[in-house]
N, C-alpha and C. Protein backbone atom coordinates (compact mmCIF):
# COMPACT_ATOMS: atom_id res chain seq x y z
N MET A 1 56.72 32.97 89.13
CA MET A 1 56.23 34.31 89.14
C MET A 1 56.84 35.08 90.30
N ILE A 2 57.22 36.34 90.01
CA ILE A 2 57.86 37.20 91.00
C ILE A 2 56.74 37.84 91.83
N PRO A 3 56.92 37.83 93.13
CA PRO A 3 55.89 38.44 93.97
C PRO A 3 55.79 39.95 93.71
N TRP A 4 54.59 40.45 93.86
CA TRP A 4 54.31 41.86 93.62
C TRP A 4 55.14 42.76 94.52
N ASP A 5 55.38 42.41 95.74
CA ASP A 5 56.20 43.20 96.66
C ASP A 5 57.62 43.33 96.14
N ALA A 6 58.16 42.28 95.55
CA ALA A 6 59.52 42.32 95.00
C ALA A 6 59.59 43.25 93.80
N VAL A 7 58.59 43.18 92.92
CA VAL A 7 58.54 44.05 91.74
C VAL A 7 58.46 45.50 92.20
N SER A 8 57.65 45.75 93.20
CA SER A 8 57.50 47.11 93.72
C SER A 8 58.81 47.61 94.33
N ALA A 9 59.51 46.76 95.05
CA ALA A 9 60.78 47.14 95.66
C ALA A 9 61.84 47.42 94.61
N ILE A 10 61.90 46.56 93.60
CA ILE A 10 62.87 46.74 92.51
C ILE A 10 62.56 48.03 91.75
N SER A 11 61.29 48.26 91.49
CA SER A 11 60.87 49.48 90.79
C SER A 11 61.24 50.72 91.61
N GLY A 12 61.03 50.66 92.90
CA GLY A 12 61.38 51.79 93.78
C GLY A 12 62.88 52.05 93.78
N ALA A 13 63.66 50.95 93.79
CA ALA A 13 65.12 51.09 93.78
C ALA A 13 65.59 51.69 92.47
N VAL A 14 65.02 51.23 91.37
CA VAL A 14 65.39 51.76 90.06
C VAL A 14 65.01 53.24 89.98
N THR A 15 63.83 53.58 90.45
CA THR A 15 63.39 54.99 90.44
C THR A 15 64.33 55.85 91.26
N THR A 16 64.75 55.36 92.43
CA THR A 16 65.69 56.09 93.28
C THR A 16 67.01 56.30 92.56
N LEU A 17 67.51 55.24 91.88
CA LEU A 17 68.76 55.36 91.12
C LEU A 17 68.62 56.38 89.99
N VAL A 18 67.49 56.37 89.29
CA VAL A 18 67.28 57.32 88.19
C VAL A 18 67.23 58.75 88.73
N VAL A 19 66.52 58.94 89.86
CA VAL A 19 66.45 60.28 90.46
C VAL A 19 67.84 60.73 90.91
N ALA A 20 68.60 59.84 91.52
CA ALA A 20 69.95 60.18 91.98
C ALA A 20 70.85 60.51 90.80
N ALA A 21 70.77 59.72 89.74
CA ALA A 21 71.59 59.98 88.55
C ALA A 21 71.20 61.31 87.92
N THR A 22 69.91 61.61 87.91
CA THR A 22 69.44 62.88 87.36
C THR A 22 69.96 64.04 88.20
N ALA A 23 69.93 63.88 89.51
CA ALA A 23 70.44 64.93 90.41
C ALA A 23 71.92 65.16 90.19
N VAL A 24 72.69 64.08 90.06
CA VAL A 24 74.13 64.20 89.82
C VAL A 24 74.38 64.88 88.48
N ALA A 25 73.65 64.47 87.44
CA ALA A 25 73.81 65.09 86.12
C ALA A 25 73.42 66.56 86.17
N GLY A 26 72.34 66.87 86.88
CA GLY A 26 71.91 68.26 87.01
C GLY A 26 72.95 69.10 87.73
N TYR A 27 73.53 68.56 88.80
CA TYR A 27 74.57 69.26 89.54
C TYR A 27 75.77 69.54 88.64
N ARG A 28 76.17 68.53 87.86
CA ARG A 28 77.29 68.73 86.92
C ARG A 28 76.97 69.81 85.90
N GLN A 29 75.73 69.82 85.40
CA GLN A 29 75.33 70.83 84.42
C GLN A 29 75.36 72.24 85.04
N ILE A 30 74.92 72.33 86.29
CA ILE A 30 74.94 73.63 86.96
C ILE A 30 76.38 74.11 87.14
N ARG A 31 77.27 73.21 87.56
CA ARG A 31 78.68 73.59 87.72
C ARG A 31 79.28 73.98 86.39
N LEU A 32 78.98 73.23 85.34
CA LEU A 32 79.50 73.53 84.01
C LEU A 32 78.97 74.88 83.53
N ALA A 33 77.69 75.13 83.74
CA ALA A 33 77.10 76.41 83.34
C ALA A 33 77.75 77.56 84.12
N GLY A 34 78.00 77.35 85.40
CA GLY A 34 78.66 78.38 86.21
C GLY A 34 80.06 78.67 85.69
N ALA A 35 80.79 77.63 85.32
CA ALA A 35 82.13 77.82 84.77
C ALA A 35 82.06 78.55 83.43
N GLN A 36 81.06 78.21 82.62
CA GLN A 36 80.92 78.88 81.33
C GLN A 36 80.58 80.36 81.52
N VAL A 37 79.72 80.66 82.47
CA VAL A 37 79.38 82.05 82.75
C VAL A 37 80.62 82.81 83.23
N GLN A 38 81.41 82.19 84.08
CA GLN A 38 82.64 82.82 84.57
C GLN A 38 83.61 83.10 83.41
N HIS A 39 83.76 82.14 82.51
CA HIS A 39 84.65 82.35 81.36
C HIS A 39 84.12 83.46 80.46
N LEU A 40 82.81 83.49 80.26
CA LEU A 40 82.20 84.54 79.45
C LEU A 40 82.41 85.90 80.09
N ARG A 41 82.25 85.97 81.41
CA ARG A 41 82.46 87.22 82.13
C ARG A 41 83.90 87.69 81.99
N GLN A 42 84.85 86.77 82.13
CA GLN A 42 86.26 87.13 82.00
C GLN A 42 86.57 87.61 80.58
N ALA A 43 86.01 86.94 79.59
CA ALA A 43 86.24 87.36 78.20
C ALA A 43 85.66 88.74 77.94
N THR A 44 84.49 89.00 78.49
CA THR A 44 83.86 90.31 78.33
C THR A 44 84.67 91.38 79.04
N GLN A 45 85.14 91.09 80.25
CA GLN A 45 85.97 92.04 80.99
C GLN A 45 87.25 92.33 80.23
N LEU A 46 87.87 91.30 79.66
CA LEU A 46 89.10 91.50 78.90
C LEU A 46 88.84 92.40 77.70
N GLN A 47 87.77 92.13 76.99
CA GLN A 47 87.44 92.93 75.81
C GLN A 47 87.19 94.40 76.21
N ALA A 48 86.44 94.61 77.27
CA ALA A 48 86.17 95.97 77.73
C ALA A 48 87.45 96.66 78.19
N THR A 49 88.28 95.93 78.92
CA THR A 49 89.53 96.50 79.42
C THR A 49 90.45 96.89 78.26
N MET A 50 90.51 96.04 77.25
CA MET A 50 91.35 96.35 76.09
C MET A 50 90.83 97.61 75.39
N ALA A 51 89.52 97.78 75.31
CA ALA A 51 88.95 98.97 74.69
C ALA A 51 89.31 100.21 75.50
N VAL A 52 89.26 100.09 76.83
CA VAL A 52 89.63 101.21 77.70
C VAL A 52 91.11 101.54 77.53
N PHE A 53 91.96 100.53 77.51
CA PHE A 53 93.39 100.78 77.32
C PHE A 53 93.64 101.48 75.99
N ASP A 54 92.94 101.04 74.95
CA ASP A 54 93.09 101.70 73.65
C ASP A 54 92.69 103.17 73.74
N GLU A 55 91.58 103.43 74.43
CA GLU A 55 91.11 104.81 74.57
C GLU A 55 92.10 105.67 75.35
N LEU A 56 92.64 105.12 76.41
CA LEU A 56 93.54 105.90 77.27
C LEU A 56 94.93 106.10 76.67
N THR A 57 95.30 105.25 75.74
CA THR A 57 96.64 105.36 75.15
C THR A 57 96.64 105.96 73.75
N GLU A 58 95.47 106.27 73.23
CA GLU A 58 95.45 106.87 71.89
C GLU A 58 96.10 108.25 71.96
N PRO A 59 96.65 108.74 70.84
CA PRO A 59 97.47 109.96 70.87
C PRO A 59 96.79 111.20 71.47
N THR A 60 95.53 111.42 71.17
CA THR A 60 94.86 112.61 71.71
C THR A 60 94.77 112.53 73.23
N ALA A 61 94.37 111.37 73.75
CA ALA A 61 94.26 111.20 75.20
C ALA A 61 95.63 111.36 75.86
N ALA A 62 96.66 110.81 75.24
CA ALA A 62 98.01 110.93 75.81
C ALA A 62 98.46 112.39 75.81
N ALA A 63 98.15 113.13 74.76
CA ALA A 63 98.54 114.54 74.70
C ALA A 63 97.78 115.35 75.76
N GLN A 64 96.52 115.03 75.97
CA GLN A 64 95.73 115.73 76.99
C GLN A 64 96.30 115.46 78.39
N TRP A 65 96.64 114.22 78.65
CA TRP A 65 97.24 113.88 79.95
C TRP A 65 98.56 114.61 80.13
N GLU A 66 99.39 114.61 79.09
CA GLU A 66 100.68 115.32 79.15
C GLU A 66 100.47 116.80 79.43
N PHE A 67 99.45 117.40 78.83
CA PHE A 67 99.16 118.81 79.10
C PHE A 67 98.90 119.02 80.59
N VAL A 68 98.07 118.16 81.17
CA VAL A 68 97.72 118.33 82.58
C VAL A 68 98.97 118.23 83.46
N VAL A 69 99.77 117.21 83.27
CA VAL A 69 100.90 117.01 84.19
C VAL A 69 102.08 117.92 83.88
N ARG A 70 102.17 118.46 82.68
CA ARG A 70 103.35 119.26 82.34
C ARG A 70 103.06 120.76 82.18
N ARG A 71 101.83 121.13 81.77
CA ARG A 71 101.60 122.54 81.44
C ARG A 71 100.45 123.19 82.21
N LEU A 72 99.63 122.43 82.88
CA LEU A 72 98.45 123.01 83.53
C LEU A 72 98.82 124.02 84.60
N ARG A 73 99.85 123.73 85.38
CA ARG A 73 100.25 124.68 86.44
C ARG A 73 100.49 126.08 85.85
N GLU A 74 101.20 126.11 84.75
CA GLU A 74 101.50 127.39 84.10
C GLU A 74 100.22 128.04 83.56
N ARG A 75 99.38 127.28 82.92
CA ARG A 75 98.13 127.82 82.35
C ARG A 75 97.19 128.35 83.43
N MET A 76 97.18 127.72 84.60
CA MET A 76 96.28 128.15 85.67
C MET A 76 96.71 129.49 86.27
N GLU A 77 97.90 129.97 85.94
CA GLU A 77 98.33 131.29 86.39
C GLU A 77 97.64 132.40 85.60
N ASP A 78 97.09 132.06 84.44
CA ASP A 78 96.37 133.02 83.60
C ASP A 78 94.95 133.19 84.17
N PRO A 79 94.60 134.41 84.63
CA PRO A 79 93.29 134.62 85.24
C PRO A 79 92.11 134.28 84.31
N GLN A 80 92.25 134.53 83.02
CA GLN A 80 91.17 134.21 82.07
C GLN A 80 90.99 132.69 81.94
N TYR A 81 92.10 132.00 81.89
CA TYR A 81 92.04 130.54 81.78
C TYR A 81 91.36 129.97 83.02
N ARG A 82 91.76 130.44 84.17
CA ARG A 82 91.18 129.98 85.45
C ARG A 82 89.70 130.33 85.52
N ALA A 83 89.34 131.55 85.12
CA ALA A 83 87.95 132.00 85.19
C ALA A 83 87.04 131.15 84.32
N ALA A 84 87.52 130.70 83.19
CA ALA A 84 86.71 129.88 82.29
C ALA A 84 86.28 128.58 82.97
N LEU A 85 87.09 128.10 83.89
CA LEU A 85 86.76 126.86 84.59
C LEU A 85 85.65 127.04 85.61
N SER A 86 85.47 128.26 86.09
CA SER A 86 84.46 128.54 87.12
C SER A 86 83.09 128.85 86.55
N ALA A 87 82.97 128.87 85.24
CA ALA A 87 81.68 129.18 84.62
C ALA A 87 80.68 128.06 84.89
N ALA A 88 79.40 128.39 84.76
CA ALA A 88 78.35 127.40 84.99
C ALA A 88 78.41 126.27 83.97
N GLU A 89 78.94 126.56 82.80
CA GLU A 89 79.10 125.54 81.77
C GLU A 89 80.59 125.30 81.56
N LEU A 90 80.99 124.05 81.53
CA LEU A 90 82.42 123.73 81.37
C LEU A 90 82.93 124.22 80.03
N PRO A 91 84.18 124.67 79.99
CA PRO A 91 84.76 125.13 78.72
C PRO A 91 84.98 123.96 77.75
N ALA A 92 85.18 124.30 76.50
CA ALA A 92 85.40 123.30 75.46
C ALA A 92 86.70 122.54 75.70
N GLU A 93 86.66 121.26 75.40
CA GLU A 93 87.83 120.41 75.58
C GLU A 93 89.01 120.87 74.73
N ALA A 94 88.73 121.44 73.57
CA ALA A 94 89.81 121.90 72.70
C ALA A 94 90.61 123.02 73.36
N ASP A 95 89.94 123.84 74.16
CA ASP A 95 90.60 124.94 74.86
C ASP A 95 91.13 124.53 76.23
N HIS A 96 90.54 123.50 76.81
CA HIS A 96 90.88 123.05 78.16
C HIS A 96 91.01 121.53 78.17
N PRO A 97 92.19 121.02 77.80
CA PRO A 97 92.38 119.57 77.75
C PRO A 97 92.10 118.87 79.08
N GLU A 98 92.23 119.59 80.20
CA GLU A 98 91.96 118.98 81.50
C GLU A 98 90.50 118.54 81.61
N VAL A 99 89.61 119.21 80.92
CA VAL A 99 88.20 118.82 80.93
C VAL A 99 88.04 117.46 80.24
N ALA A 100 88.73 117.26 79.14
CA ALA A 100 88.67 115.97 78.44
C ALA A 100 89.22 114.85 79.31
N VAL A 101 90.33 115.11 79.99
CA VAL A 101 90.92 114.10 80.88
C VAL A 101 89.94 113.75 81.99
N LEU A 102 89.35 114.75 82.60
CA LEU A 102 88.40 114.51 83.68
C LEU A 102 87.16 113.77 83.20
N ARG A 103 86.65 114.13 82.03
CA ARG A 103 85.48 113.41 81.48
C ARG A 103 85.80 111.94 81.26
N ARG A 104 86.97 111.69 80.73
CA ARG A 104 87.37 110.31 80.48
C ARG A 104 87.42 109.51 81.79
N PHE A 105 88.03 110.09 82.81
CA PHE A 105 88.14 109.38 84.07
C PHE A 105 86.82 109.36 84.84
N GLU A 106 85.98 110.32 84.61
CA GLU A 106 84.63 110.29 85.21
C GLU A 106 83.86 109.08 84.66
N LYS A 107 83.97 108.89 83.35
CA LYS A 107 83.30 107.76 82.72
C LYS A 107 83.85 106.44 83.26
N LEU A 108 85.17 106.32 83.34
CA LEU A 108 85.78 105.10 83.85
C LEU A 108 85.40 104.85 85.31
N GLY A 109 85.38 105.92 86.11
CA GLY A 109 84.98 105.79 87.50
C GLY A 109 83.55 105.28 87.63
N THR A 110 82.68 105.75 86.75
CA THR A 110 81.29 105.28 86.75
C THR A 110 81.24 103.79 86.43
N TYR A 111 81.99 103.37 85.44
CA TYR A 111 82.02 101.95 85.07
C TYR A 111 82.51 101.09 86.23
N VAL A 112 83.59 101.52 86.86
CA VAL A 112 84.17 100.73 87.94
C VAL A 112 83.23 100.71 89.15
N LYS A 113 82.72 101.87 89.50
CA LYS A 113 81.85 101.98 90.68
C LYS A 113 80.62 101.08 90.54
N ASN A 114 80.13 100.91 89.32
CA ASN A 114 78.93 100.11 89.09
C ASN A 114 79.23 98.68 88.65
N GLY A 115 80.48 98.27 88.78
CA GLY A 115 80.84 96.89 88.52
C GLY A 115 80.91 96.49 87.06
N LEU A 116 80.96 97.45 86.16
CA LEU A 116 81.02 97.13 84.73
C LEU A 116 82.45 96.89 84.26
N LEU A 117 83.40 97.37 85.02
CA LEU A 117 84.83 97.13 84.76
C LEU A 117 85.48 96.76 86.07
N GLU A 118 86.48 95.89 86.00
CA GLU A 118 87.26 95.52 87.18
C GLU A 118 88.25 96.64 87.47
N GLY A 119 88.13 97.23 88.63
CA GLY A 119 88.99 98.34 88.99
C GLY A 119 90.45 97.97 89.10
N ASP A 120 90.76 96.83 89.69
CA ASP A 120 92.16 96.48 89.95
C ASP A 120 93.00 96.46 88.68
N VAL A 121 92.43 96.04 87.56
CA VAL A 121 93.18 96.02 86.30
C VAL A 121 93.52 97.45 85.89
N LEU A 122 92.56 98.35 86.02
CA LEU A 122 92.82 99.76 85.67
C LEU A 122 93.82 100.39 86.63
N TYR A 123 93.65 100.12 87.92
CA TYR A 123 94.56 100.71 88.91
C TYR A 123 95.98 100.21 88.70
N ASP A 124 96.11 98.95 88.33
CA ASP A 124 97.44 98.38 88.13
C ASP A 124 98.14 99.03 86.94
N PHE A 125 97.39 99.30 85.89
CA PHE A 125 97.99 99.83 84.67
C PHE A 125 98.06 101.36 84.67
N PHE A 126 96.97 102.04 85.10
CA PHE A 126 96.91 103.50 85.00
C PHE A 126 96.85 104.21 86.35
N GLY A 127 96.78 103.47 87.43
CA GLY A 127 96.57 104.08 88.74
C GLY A 127 97.60 105.13 89.10
N GLY A 128 98.86 104.82 88.92
CA GLY A 128 99.91 105.78 89.26
C GLY A 128 99.81 107.05 88.44
N ALA A 129 99.52 106.90 87.16
CA ALA A 129 99.36 108.07 86.29
C ALA A 129 98.14 108.89 86.70
N TRP A 130 97.05 108.20 87.05
CA TRP A 130 95.86 108.93 87.44
C TRP A 130 96.06 109.65 88.78
N ILE A 131 96.76 109.02 89.70
CA ILE A 131 97.07 109.67 90.98
C ILE A 131 97.86 110.95 90.72
N ARG A 132 98.87 110.87 89.89
CA ARG A 132 99.68 112.04 89.58
C ARG A 132 98.85 113.13 88.93
N CYS A 133 98.03 112.74 87.98
CA CYS A 133 97.19 113.68 87.25
C CYS A 133 96.18 114.35 88.19
N TRP A 134 95.50 113.55 89.01
CA TRP A 134 94.51 114.11 89.93
C TRP A 134 95.18 115.09 90.91
N ASN A 135 96.35 114.74 91.39
CA ASN A 135 97.05 115.63 92.32
C ASN A 135 97.35 116.97 91.67
N VAL A 136 97.75 116.98 90.41
CA VAL A 136 98.00 118.24 89.71
C VAL A 136 96.70 119.02 89.57
N LEU A 137 95.62 118.33 89.19
CA LEU A 137 94.33 118.99 89.03
C LEU A 137 93.86 119.61 90.35
N ALA A 138 94.10 118.91 91.45
CA ALA A 138 93.68 119.42 92.77
C ALA A 138 94.59 120.56 93.23
N GLU A 139 95.90 120.36 93.11
CA GLU A 139 96.86 121.35 93.61
C GLU A 139 96.79 122.68 92.86
N THR A 140 96.44 122.63 91.59
CA THR A 140 96.38 123.86 90.79
C THR A 140 95.07 124.62 90.99
N GLY A 141 94.12 124.02 91.69
CA GLY A 141 92.83 124.66 91.90
C GLY A 141 91.83 124.39 90.79
N CYS A 142 92.21 123.56 89.86
CA CYS A 142 91.35 123.25 88.71
C CYS A 142 90.03 122.60 89.16
N ILE A 143 90.11 121.59 90.00
CA ILE A 143 88.91 120.88 90.46
C ILE A 143 88.02 121.85 91.23
N ARG A 144 88.60 122.58 92.12
CA ARG A 144 87.83 123.52 92.95
C ARG A 144 87.13 124.56 92.08
N ALA A 145 87.84 125.08 91.09
CA ALA A 145 87.25 126.09 90.20
C ALA A 145 86.05 125.53 89.45
N MET A 146 86.18 124.33 88.92
CA MET A 146 85.07 123.74 88.18
C MET A 146 83.90 123.42 89.09
N ARG A 147 84.19 122.93 90.28
CA ARG A 147 83.12 122.63 91.23
C ARG A 147 82.42 123.91 91.70
N ALA A 148 83.15 125.00 91.76
CA ALA A 148 82.53 126.27 92.15
C ALA A 148 81.47 126.69 91.14
N GLY A 149 81.72 126.40 89.88
CA GLY A 149 80.77 126.79 88.83
C GLY A 149 79.62 125.83 88.62
N THR A 150 79.87 124.54 88.83
CA THR A 150 78.83 123.56 88.48
C THR A 150 78.31 122.75 89.65
N GLY A 151 78.98 122.79 90.78
CA GLY A 151 78.49 122.07 91.96
C GLY A 151 79.51 121.08 92.49
N PRO A 152 79.37 120.73 93.77
CA PRO A 152 80.38 119.89 94.44
C PRO A 152 80.43 118.43 93.98
N SER A 153 79.41 117.98 93.29
CA SER A 153 79.42 116.57 92.87
C SER A 153 80.12 116.38 91.52
N LEU A 154 80.54 117.47 90.90
CA LEU A 154 81.24 117.36 89.62
C LEU A 154 82.51 116.53 89.79
N TRP A 155 82.71 115.59 88.93
CA TRP A 155 83.88 114.71 88.89
C TRP A 155 83.94 113.75 90.08
N GLU A 156 82.81 113.44 90.67
CA GLU A 156 82.82 112.54 91.83
C GLU A 156 83.29 111.13 91.46
N ASN A 157 83.01 110.67 90.25
CA ASN A 157 83.46 109.34 89.85
C ASN A 157 84.93 109.33 89.45
N ALA A 158 85.41 110.44 88.94
CA ALA A 158 86.85 110.57 88.68
C ALA A 158 87.60 110.58 90.01
N GLU A 159 87.03 111.26 91.00
CA GLU A 159 87.65 111.27 92.32
C GLU A 159 87.59 109.89 92.97
N PHE A 160 86.48 109.18 92.76
CA PHE A 160 86.38 107.80 93.24
C PHE A 160 87.51 106.96 92.65
N LEU A 161 87.74 107.11 91.36
CA LEU A 161 88.81 106.36 90.70
C LEU A 161 90.17 106.73 91.28
N TYR A 162 90.36 108.01 91.58
CA TYR A 162 91.60 108.45 92.22
C TYR A 162 91.77 107.77 93.58
N ARG A 163 90.74 107.84 94.40
CA ARG A 163 90.83 107.27 95.76
C ARG A 163 91.08 105.76 95.72
N GLU A 164 90.40 105.08 94.82
CA GLU A 164 90.59 103.63 94.69
C GLU A 164 91.98 103.32 94.15
N SER A 165 92.47 104.13 93.23
CA SER A 165 93.83 103.95 92.71
C SER A 165 94.85 104.13 93.83
N ALA A 166 94.64 105.15 94.66
CA ALA A 166 95.55 105.41 95.78
C ALA A 166 95.51 104.26 96.78
N ALA A 167 94.33 103.73 97.07
CA ALA A 167 94.21 102.60 97.99
C ALA A 167 94.90 101.37 97.42
N PHE A 168 94.72 101.14 96.13
CA PHE A 168 95.37 100.01 95.46
C PHE A 168 96.89 100.16 95.55
N ALA A 169 97.38 101.36 95.26
CA ALA A 169 98.82 101.61 95.31
C ALA A 169 99.36 101.39 96.71
N ALA A 170 98.62 101.83 97.71
CA ALA A 170 99.05 101.64 99.10
C ALA A 170 99.09 100.15 99.45
N ARG A 171 98.09 99.39 99.01
CA ARG A 171 98.09 97.94 99.27
C ARG A 171 99.27 97.25 98.60
N ARG A 172 99.67 97.76 97.45
CA ARG A 172 100.78 97.19 96.71
C ARG A 172 102.14 97.66 97.23
N GLY A 173 102.13 98.69 98.08
CA GLY A 173 103.38 99.21 98.60
C GLY A 173 104.12 100.10 97.62
N TRP A 174 103.39 100.65 96.64
CA TRP A 174 104.03 101.57 95.70
C TRP A 174 104.41 102.82 96.45
N HIS A 175 105.56 103.36 96.15
CA HIS A 175 106.04 104.56 96.85
C HIS A 175 106.11 105.72 95.89
N GLU A 176 105.43 106.79 96.25
CA GLU A 176 105.42 108.03 95.48
C GLU A 176 105.78 109.15 96.44
N ALA A 177 105.49 110.36 96.05
CA ALA A 177 105.69 111.51 96.94
C ALA A 177 104.93 111.25 98.24
N PRO A 178 105.45 111.70 99.38
CA PRO A 178 104.84 111.38 100.66
C PRO A 178 103.36 111.68 100.77
N ASP A 179 102.89 112.79 100.17
CA ASP A 179 101.48 113.12 100.31
C ASP A 179 100.62 112.52 99.21
N GLN A 180 101.22 111.75 98.32
CA GLN A 180 100.50 111.22 97.17
C GLN A 180 99.31 110.37 97.58
N PHE A 181 99.43 109.61 98.64
CA PHE A 181 98.35 108.70 99.02
C PHE A 181 97.63 109.18 100.27
N ASP A 182 97.91 110.40 100.67
CA ASP A 182 97.30 110.94 101.88
C ASP A 182 95.99 111.61 101.53
N ARG A 183 94.88 110.98 101.88
CA ARG A 183 93.56 111.48 101.55
C ARG A 183 93.33 112.87 102.12
N LYS A 184 93.80 113.12 103.35
CA LYS A 184 93.60 114.42 103.97
C LYS A 184 94.33 115.51 103.19
N ALA A 185 95.53 115.21 102.75
CA ALA A 185 96.30 116.21 101.98
C ALA A 185 95.59 116.53 100.66
N THR A 186 95.07 115.51 100.00
CA THR A 186 94.37 115.74 98.74
C THR A 186 93.08 116.50 98.97
N ASP A 187 92.32 116.13 100.01
CA ASP A 187 91.09 116.85 100.33
C ASP A 187 91.40 118.31 100.61
N ALA A 188 92.48 118.56 101.33
CA ALA A 188 92.86 119.93 101.65
C ALA A 188 93.24 120.69 100.37
N ALA A 189 93.93 120.02 99.45
CA ALA A 189 94.33 120.66 98.21
C ALA A 189 93.10 121.02 97.38
N VAL A 190 92.12 120.13 97.33
CA VAL A 190 90.89 120.41 96.59
C VAL A 190 90.13 121.57 97.24
N ALA A 191 90.08 121.58 98.55
CA ALA A 191 89.30 122.58 99.28
C ALA A 191 89.94 123.97 99.24
N THR A 192 91.26 124.05 99.17
CA THR A 192 91.92 125.35 99.28
C THR A 192 92.30 125.95 97.95
N THR A 193 92.18 125.22 96.87
CA THR A 193 92.60 125.79 95.58
C THR A 193 91.45 126.35 94.81
């Protein structure tokens, strides 16, 4: 007959091994779950990013962007066109493609600012274009005119996207016009136009 103390010791050792094995299995499950969550997050980010790329490259969006960078300077010379931007209510996108461009980037800026989209992917693909576009909007007085009518916080998320794009470009060493990444120059352009 085995002494009771020996049975108790063996039982304790077996219990300790079972608890240790359970802890190891639990740790592995937690790591596996963490990896699965990370893969799911990446897949979701990819899907969202692809949807954004589709939106930004569709023909209407491309035509609106082209209008801003190629024709807005000329249109802003028309006093009626400029005055429509200063109204309390923004003009229709059909008449003012720059409003559509800004709305699109305002939405994207909101997504990025709140962590719903990874900014670096957007900055890498569209950052240079957005920097150029924002600079035209600021230099022509378009942003200032709209903010005069609706308030200074208008397009704050689009501006956030611009600033983050400029910071990303500077970190990457991208070279554009000298004042392209100069926050003070852009602030001055927005304030004086």
